[in-house]
Protein backbone atom coordinates (compact mmCIF):
# COMPACT_ATOMS: atom_id res chain seq x y z
CA MET A 1 -1.90 -20.96 -5.06
CA LEU A 2 -5.53 -19.81 -5.23
CA PHE A 3 -4.45 -16.21 -5.81
CA ARG A 4 -2.13 -17.30 -8.58
CA SER A 5 -4.79 -19.39 -10.29
CA MET A 6 -7.20 -16.47 -10.16
CA GLY A 7 -4.63 -14.16 -11.72
CA ALA A 8 -5.01 -11.84 -8.73
CA PHE A 9 -1.32 -10.91 -8.66
CA GLY A 10 -1.66 -9.50 -12.16
CA MET A 11 -4.77 -7.40 -11.65
CA ARG A 12 -3.12 -4.16 -12.80
CA ILE A 13 -0.52 -5.66 -15.16
CA PRO A 14 -1.26 -5.37 -18.93
CA THR A 15 -2.66 -8.43 -20.65
CA GLU A 16 0.29 -8.60 -23.08
CA TYR A 17 2.47 -9.47 -20.09
CA GLY A 18 0.10 -12.08 -18.67
CA GLY A 19 -1.91 -9.81 -16.37
CA LEU A 20 -5.61 -9.09 -16.21
CA GLY A 21 -5.19 -5.46 -17.24
CA LEU A 22 -8.03 -4.29 -14.99
CA ASP A 23 -8.91 -0.62 -14.69
CA LEU A 24 -8.32 1.19 -11.41
CA VAL A 25 -12.02 1.29 -10.53
CA THR A 26 -12.25 -2.50 -10.62
CA TYR A 27 -8.96 -2.78 -8.75
CA ALA A 28 -10.20 -0.44 -5.99
CA LEU A 29 -13.39 -2.45 -5.49
CA ALA A 30 -11.41 -5.70 -5.44
CA ILE A 31 -9.06 -4.36 -2.76
CA ALA A 32 -12.02 -3.30 -0.64
CA GLU A 33 -13.49 -6.80 -0.94
CA LEU A 34 -10.18 -8.46 -0.05
CA THR A 35 -9.82 -6.22 2.99
CA ARG A 36 -13.37 -7.03 4.03
CA GLY A 37 -12.02 -10.52 4.63
CA TRP A 38 -8.52 -9.72 5.91
CA MET A 39 -6.54 -6.53 5.34
CA ALA A 40 -3.16 -8.28 5.29
CA VAL A 41 -4.10 -10.05 2.04
CA SER A 42 -4.47 -6.75 0.24
CA GLY A 43 -1.05 -5.77 1.58
CA ILE A 44 0.53 -8.94 0.25
CA VAL A 45 -0.58 -8.19 -3.31
CA ASN A 46 -0.30 -4.40 -3.20
CA GLY A 47 3.43 -4.41 -3.91
CA GLN A 48 2.73 -6.23 -7.16
CA TYR A 49 0.24 -3.56 -8.20
CA ILE A 50 2.30 -0.50 -7.32
CA VAL A 51 5.65 -1.76 -8.60
CA GLY A 52 4.10 -3.57 -11.57
CA GLY A 53 2.21 -0.41 -12.47
CA MET A 54 5.38 1.67 -12.28
CA ILE A 55 7.26 -0.75 -14.51
CA ALA A 56 4.38 -0.87 -16.99
CA ALA A 57 4.19 2.94 -17.12
CA HIS A 58 7.88 3.88 -16.96
CA GLY A 59 10.01 0.78 -17.57
CA THR A 60 12.08 -0.07 -20.61
CA ASP A 61 10.95 -2.87 -22.88
CA GLU A 62 13.64 -5.08 -21.33
CA GLN A 63 12.45 -4.30 -17.79
CA LYS A 64 8.83 -4.98 -18.70
CA ALA A 65 9.74 -8.32 -20.25
CA ALA A 66 11.96 -9.28 -17.32
CA TYR A 67 9.55 -8.48 -14.49
CA LEU A 68 5.92 -8.11 -15.54
CA PRO A 69 5.15 -11.72 -16.60
CA ARG A 70 6.64 -13.08 -13.38
CA LEU A 71 4.89 -10.49 -11.23
CA ALA A 72 1.57 -11.22 -12.95
CA ALA A 73 1.98 -14.95 -12.39
CA GLY A 74 2.91 -14.49 -8.73
CA GLU A 75 6.27 -16.18 -9.36
CA ILE A 76 8.06 -13.28 -7.70
CA ARG A 77 7.01 -10.64 -5.19
CA SER A 78 7.98 -6.97 -5.16
CA CYS A 79 8.21 -4.17 -2.64
CA PHE A 80 8.03 -0.37 -2.79
CA SER A 81 10.86 1.22 -0.80
CA MET A 82 10.84 4.97 -0.22
CA THR A 83 10.42 5.69 3.52
CA GLU A 84 13.52 5.92 5.71
CA PRO A 85 14.13 6.03 9.47
CA GLY A 86 14.46 9.82 9.22
CA ALA A 87 12.22 10.58 6.25
CA GLY A 88 8.60 9.53 5.83
CA SER A 89 6.08 11.89 4.28
CA ASP A 90 8.90 14.40 3.62
CA VAL A 91 10.23 12.31 0.73
CA GLN A 92 12.77 14.87 -0.42
CA SER A 93 14.64 14.41 2.88
CA ILE A 94 15.78 10.86 2.09
CA VAL A 95 19.51 10.25 2.54
CA THR A 96 20.00 6.85 0.83
CA THR A 97 22.45 7.44 -2.00
CA ALA A 98 23.57 5.69 -5.17
CA ARG A 99 27.12 6.67 -6.18
CA ARG A 100 27.98 6.02 -9.79
CA GLU A 101 31.12 4.04 -10.58
CA GLY A 102 31.35 3.23 -14.28
CA ASP A 103 28.44 1.01 -15.28
CA GLU A 104 27.34 0.50 -11.68
CA PHE A 105 25.70 2.36 -8.83
CA VAL A 106 26.90 1.79 -5.27
CA VAL A 107 23.97 2.09 -2.86
CA ASN A 108 24.29 3.12 0.80
CA GLY A 109 21.55 3.88 3.30
CA ALA A 110 18.50 2.38 4.98
CA LYS A 111 14.78 2.06 4.22
CA MET A 112 12.06 1.55 6.80
CA TRP A 113 8.57 0.00 6.97
CA VAL A 114 9.08 -1.99 3.79
CA THR A 115 6.01 -4.19 3.28
CA ASN A 116 6.92 -7.55 1.65
CA GLY A 117 10.57 -6.57 2.08
CA ASP A 118 11.65 -10.03 3.20
CA ARG A 119 9.83 -12.09 0.58
CA ALA A 120 10.32 -9.70 -2.34
CA SER A 121 12.58 -10.57 -5.27
CA VAL A 122 12.69 -7.01 -6.64
CA ILE A 123 12.77 -3.67 -4.82
CA ALA A 124 11.54 -0.41 -6.32
CA LEU A 125 14.08 1.75 -4.50
CA LEU A 126 14.22 5.55 -4.36
CA VAL A 127 17.74 6.92 -3.94
CA LYS A 128 19.63 10.17 -4.35
CA THR A 129 22.01 10.02 -7.30
CA ASP A 130 22.79 13.74 -6.95
CA PRO A 131 22.57 14.72 -3.27
CA ASP A 132 23.43 18.36 -4.09
CA ALA A 133 20.70 18.85 -6.69
CA GLU A 134 18.36 21.84 -6.46
CA PRO A 135 15.47 21.38 -6.25
CA ARG A 136 16.18 18.28 -4.18
CA HIS A 137 13.75 16.01 -6.03
CA ALA A 138 15.73 16.53 -9.25
CA GLY A 139 18.54 14.41 -7.80
CA MET A 140 16.37 11.36 -7.08
CA THR A 141 16.35 8.17 -9.12
CA ALA A 142 14.25 4.99 -8.96
CA LEU A 143 16.14 1.71 -9.16
CA LEU A 144 14.85 -1.84 -9.66
CA VAL A 145 17.08 -3.84 -7.35
CA ASP A 146 17.02 -7.62 -7.47
CA LYS A 147 17.33 -9.53 -4.20
CA GLN A 148 17.12 -13.07 -2.92
CA PRO A 149 13.80 -13.60 -1.10
CA GLU A 150 13.89 -14.67 2.55
CA VAL A 151 17.66 -14.21 2.83
CA ALA A 152 18.63 -11.95 5.74
CA GLN A 153 22.01 -10.82 4.44
CA ARG A 154 23.68 -10.96 1.07
CA GLY A 155 26.12 -8.73 -0.81
CA GLY A 156 25.82 -5.76 1.54
CA LEU A 157 22.01 -5.87 1.73
CA THR A 158 20.64 -6.70 5.18
CA VAL A 159 16.97 -7.43 5.84
CA SER A 160 15.83 -6.98 9.44
CA PRO A 161 13.51 -9.39 11.25
CA PRO A 162 9.84 -8.37 10.94
CA LEU A 163 9.09 -5.20 12.88
CA GLY A 164 6.64 -5.43 15.76
CA LYS A 165 3.32 -3.73 14.98
CA LEU A 166 -0.02 -3.02 16.64
CA GLY A 167 -1.87 -4.72 13.78
CA TYR A 168 -1.41 -5.72 10.14
CA HIS A 169 0.19 -8.95 11.33
CA GLY A 170 -0.36 -11.09 8.25
CA VAL A 171 2.34 -9.43 6.16
CA GLU A 172 5.87 -8.51 7.16
CA SER A 173 7.25 -5.00 7.45
CA VAL A 174 11.04 -4.78 7.61
CA GLU A 175 14.02 -2.44 7.46
CA LEU A 176 16.42 -2.73 4.54
CA ALA A 177 20.06 -1.66 5.06
CA PHE A 178 22.37 -1.07 2.09
CA ASP A 179 26.13 -1.11 2.62
CA GLU A 180 28.08 -0.60 -0.63
CA VAL A 181 25.52 -2.61 -2.59
CA ARG A 182 26.48 -2.66 -6.27
CA VAL A 183 23.76 -2.64 -8.93
CA PRO A 184 24.03 -2.11 -12.70
CA VAL A 185 23.10 1.25 -14.22
CA SER A 186 20.62 -0.71 -16.35
CA CYS A 187 18.45 -1.12 -13.24
CA VAL A 188 17.37 2.55 -13.43
CA LEU A 189 13.61 2.50 -13.97
CA GLY A 190 13.10 3.58 -17.57
CA GLY A 191 16.78 3.34 -18.46
CA GLU A 192 19.79 5.59 -17.97
CA GLU A 193 18.06 8.62 -19.51
CA LYS A 194 15.59 8.56 -16.59
CA ILE A 195 18.24 9.25 -13.95
CA GLY A 196 16.86 12.10 -11.85
CA GLN A 197 13.21 11.22 -12.62
CA GLY A 198 12.66 8.87 -9.67
CA PHE A 199 10.62 11.27 -7.57
CA TYR A 200 7.96 11.61 -10.27
CA GLN A 201 7.96 7.86 -10.99
CA MET A 202 7.52 6.96 -7.32
CA MET A 203 4.81 9.59 -6.86
CA SER A 204 2.85 8.01 -9.71
CA GLY A 205 2.98 4.79 -7.72
CA ILE A 206 1.84 6.65 -4.61
CA GLU A 207 -1.35 7.78 -6.40
CA THR A 208 -2.27 4.12 -6.83
CA GLY A 209 -1.07 3.41 -3.29
CA ARG A 210 -3.34 6.05 -1.80
CA ILE A 211 -6.34 4.70 -3.67
CA ASN A 212 -5.34 1.28 -2.34
CA VAL A 213 -5.21 2.57 1.25
CA ALA A 214 -8.59 4.27 0.81
CA SER A 215 -10.02 0.99 -0.50
CA ARG A 216 -8.59 -0.89 2.46
CA GLY A 217 -10.28 1.62 4.75
CA LEU A 218 -13.53 1.02 2.89
CA GLY A 219 -13.18 -2.75 3.30
CA ILE A 220 -12.64 -2.47 7.05
CA SER A 221 -15.61 -0.12 7.34
CA LEU A 222 -17.93 -2.38 5.36
CA ARG A 223 -17.20 -5.43 7.48
CA ALA A 224 -17.31 -3.53 10.76
CA LEU A 225 -20.77 -2.18 9.84
CA GLU A 226 -22.02 -5.62 8.78
CA LEU A 227 -20.98 -7.16 12.08
CA SER A 228 -22.44 -4.24 14.02
CA LEU A 229 -25.81 -4.54 12.27
CA GLU A 230 -25.89 -8.27 12.93
CA TYR A 231 -24.98 -7.87 16.60
CA ALA A 232 -27.42 -5.00 17.12
CA GLN A 233 -30.27 -7.29 16.06
CA GLN A 234 -29.16 -10.15 18.33
CA ARG A 235 -28.02 -8.46 21.54
CA GLU A 236 -30.86 -7.40 23.83
CA ALA A 237 -30.85 -4.72 26.51
CA PHE A 238 -33.80 -3.33 28.46
CA GLY A 239 -36.18 -5.79 26.87
CA LYS A 240 -35.38 -5.27 23.18
CA PRO A 241 -32.54 -5.64 20.67
CA ILE A 242 -30.02 -2.81 21.08
CA GLY A 243 -30.62 -1.89 17.43
CA TYR A 244 -34.00 -0.50 18.51
CA HIS A 245 -32.32 2.03 20.80
CA GLN A 246 -31.99 5.45 19.18
CA LEU A 247 -28.33 6.02 20.04
CA ILE A 248 -27.29 2.73 18.44
CA GLN A 249 -29.37 3.60 15.38
CA LYS A 250 -27.51 6.93 15.15
CA LYS A 251 -24.16 5.15 15.26
CA LEU A 252 -25.19 2.75 12.50
CA ALA A 253 -26.59 5.57 10.35
CA ASP A 254 -23.37 7.59 10.69
CA MET A 255 -21.28 4.52 9.84
CA ALA A 256 -23.31 3.80 6.69
CA THR A 257 -23.15 7.44 5.57
CA ARG A 258 -19.35 7.59 5.95
CA ILE A 259 -19.06 4.38 3.95
CA GLU A 260 -21.06 5.78 1.05
CA ALA A 261 -19.03 8.99 1.06
CA SER A 262 -15.78 6.98 1.12
CA LYS A 263 -16.93 4.87 -1.80
CA HIS A 264 -17.74 7.89 -3.96
CA LEU A 265 -14.41 9.60 -3.24
CA ILE A 266 -12.49 6.41 -4.08
CA LEU A 267 -14.34 5.85 -7.34
CA ALA A 268 -13.91 9.50 -8.37
CA ALA A 269 -10.14 9.29 -7.83
CA ALA A 270 -9.89 5.94 -9.63
CA ARG A 271 -11.89 7.16 -12.62
CA LYS A 272 -9.76 10.28 -12.97
CA LYS A 273 -6.51 8.31 -12.90
CA ASP A 274 -7.99 5.78 -15.35
CA SER A 275 -8.66 8.67 -17.74
CA GLY A 276 -4.94 9.45 -17.82
CA GLN A 277 -5.24 12.62 -15.78
CA ARG A 278 -3.20 13.51 -12.71
CA ALA A 279 -5.20 12.41 -9.66
CA ASP A 280 -2.96 13.14 -6.69
CA VAL A 281 -5.43 15.55 -5.06
CA GLU A 282 -8.39 13.21 -5.54
CA ALA A 283 -6.40 10.19 -4.34
CA GLY A 284 -5.30 12.16 -1.28
CA MET A 285 -8.88 13.18 -0.51
CA ALA A 286 -10.08 9.59 -0.81
CA LYS A 287 -7.26 8.30 1.36
CA LEU A 288 -7.84 11.00 4.00
CA PHE A 289 -11.59 10.53 4.30
CA ALA A 290 -11.81 6.75 3.95
CA SER A 291 -9.01 6.06 6.42
CA GLU A 292 -10.42 8.43 9.06
CA ALA A 293 -13.84 6.86 8.50
CA ALA A 294 -12.38 3.37 8.95
CA LEU A 295 -10.83 4.29 12.29
CA GLU A 296 -14.07 5.88 13.49
CA ILE A 297 -16.21 2.99 12.27
CA ALA A 298 -13.91 0.33 13.76
CA THR A 299 -14.08 2.17 17.08
CA GLU A 300 -17.87 2.50 16.93
CA SER A 301 -18.19 -1.17 16.04
CA MET A 302 -16.24 -2.08 19.16
CA ARG A 303 -18.50 0.15 21.23
CA ILE A 304 -21.63 -1.42 19.80
CA HIS A 305 -20.27 -4.89 20.56
CA GLY A 306 -19.33 -3.87 24.10
CA GLY A 307 -17.12 -6.22 26.07
CA VAL A 308 -17.20 -9.04 23.51
CA GLY A 309 -15.83 -6.61 20.91
CA TYR A 310 -12.70 -6.24 23.00
CA THR A 311 -12.00 -9.97 23.00
CA THR A 312 -10.23 -12.00 20.34
CA ASP A 313 -13.37 -14.13 19.91
CA LEU A 314 -14.56 -11.73 17.20
CA PRO A 315 -12.61 -9.95 14.44
CA VAL A 316 -13.80 -6.53 15.65
CA GLU A 317 -10.64 -6.02 17.70
CA ARG A 318 -8.53 -6.79 14.61
CA TYR A 319 -10.25 -4.05 12.63
CA PHE A 320 -9.61 -1.72 15.59
CA ARG A 321 -5.88 -2.59 15.43
CA ASP A 322 -5.59 -2.56 11.62
CA ALA A 323 -7.41 0.71 10.97
CA PRO A 324 -4.79 3.12 12.45
CA LEU A 325 -2.27 2.07 9.80
CA MET A 326 -4.48 3.60 7.12
CA ILE A 327 -4.22 7.09 8.63
CA ILE A 328 -0.41 6.83 8.53
CA GLY A 329 0.48 4.76 5.45
CA GLU A 330 1.12 6.32 2.00
CA GLY A 331 1.48 9.77 3.55
CA THR A 332 -0.01 10.71 6.92
CA ASN A 333 -3.41 12.34 6.95
CA GLU A 334 -1.78 15.48 8.30
CA ILE A 335 0.22 15.61 5.04
CA GLN A 336 -2.93 14.96 2.99
CA ARG A 337 -4.57 17.97 4.62
């Protein structure tokens, strides 16, 4: 309720549809601040931002009117569904298909690691409408598929129980299975004339998603450094606070430097996308650096805290478990390189 009253679900949705219409720079800083408290919260709202942004940029007037006001108000949730059990960063290898029959598409296949997939009311779904197309991405289409939230099975769509994960426990990740699921042709993002444009539409969402992941990494890093600084001034060893020992000072200095570098890369990517330019390279750089920095800083924070950092008494162990997701999500760092 607090998020709704703040308008947080509509951060990136245009004001004419009830959103705040914030620029990407402000959005990135807000995501970092949310993650500083708890990374799962930024995951809960991220689907709204990616899918809402895609609808705002590519949707028909009817689609914008149908979804954006409700997404902005937090009345409905959305999820971004591209990854499959056999296709992650290699997006063109997806095998989920949508076979056209008159004014309908019949969807078959499975999607994996779908954040908010259980509670979502609308799925931004990437499918192959022409599996034989060359190049392969030319046969991909983005669909806006309505679903009943928190219903495990309905009309050929099956939602798995939440998948077990190392961290990121505050938001569900599920598998979606489609078995002869019928959807109207009107659900094509941007209308029927945009059939075959889904790859480009989803990649535009990924640019925002990678800035989001980078911002999450920044948030983890900021909080891990804050806790490390505080502990280094309190914990004593060999007659003085451990923060007076040179090796601990080196760790803290390296952590702070990586944070500043992450921040500048994130803001550069956000500003370029805000200007209307393509920012996939900059977003990838920010995601790569900030996520690797988060994992390193979370690990160093645990080392600085010693044994107590390994317990559940402090949130340090949660940052240690949450950080690895950032090096995998929205395209692995090996792909970014």
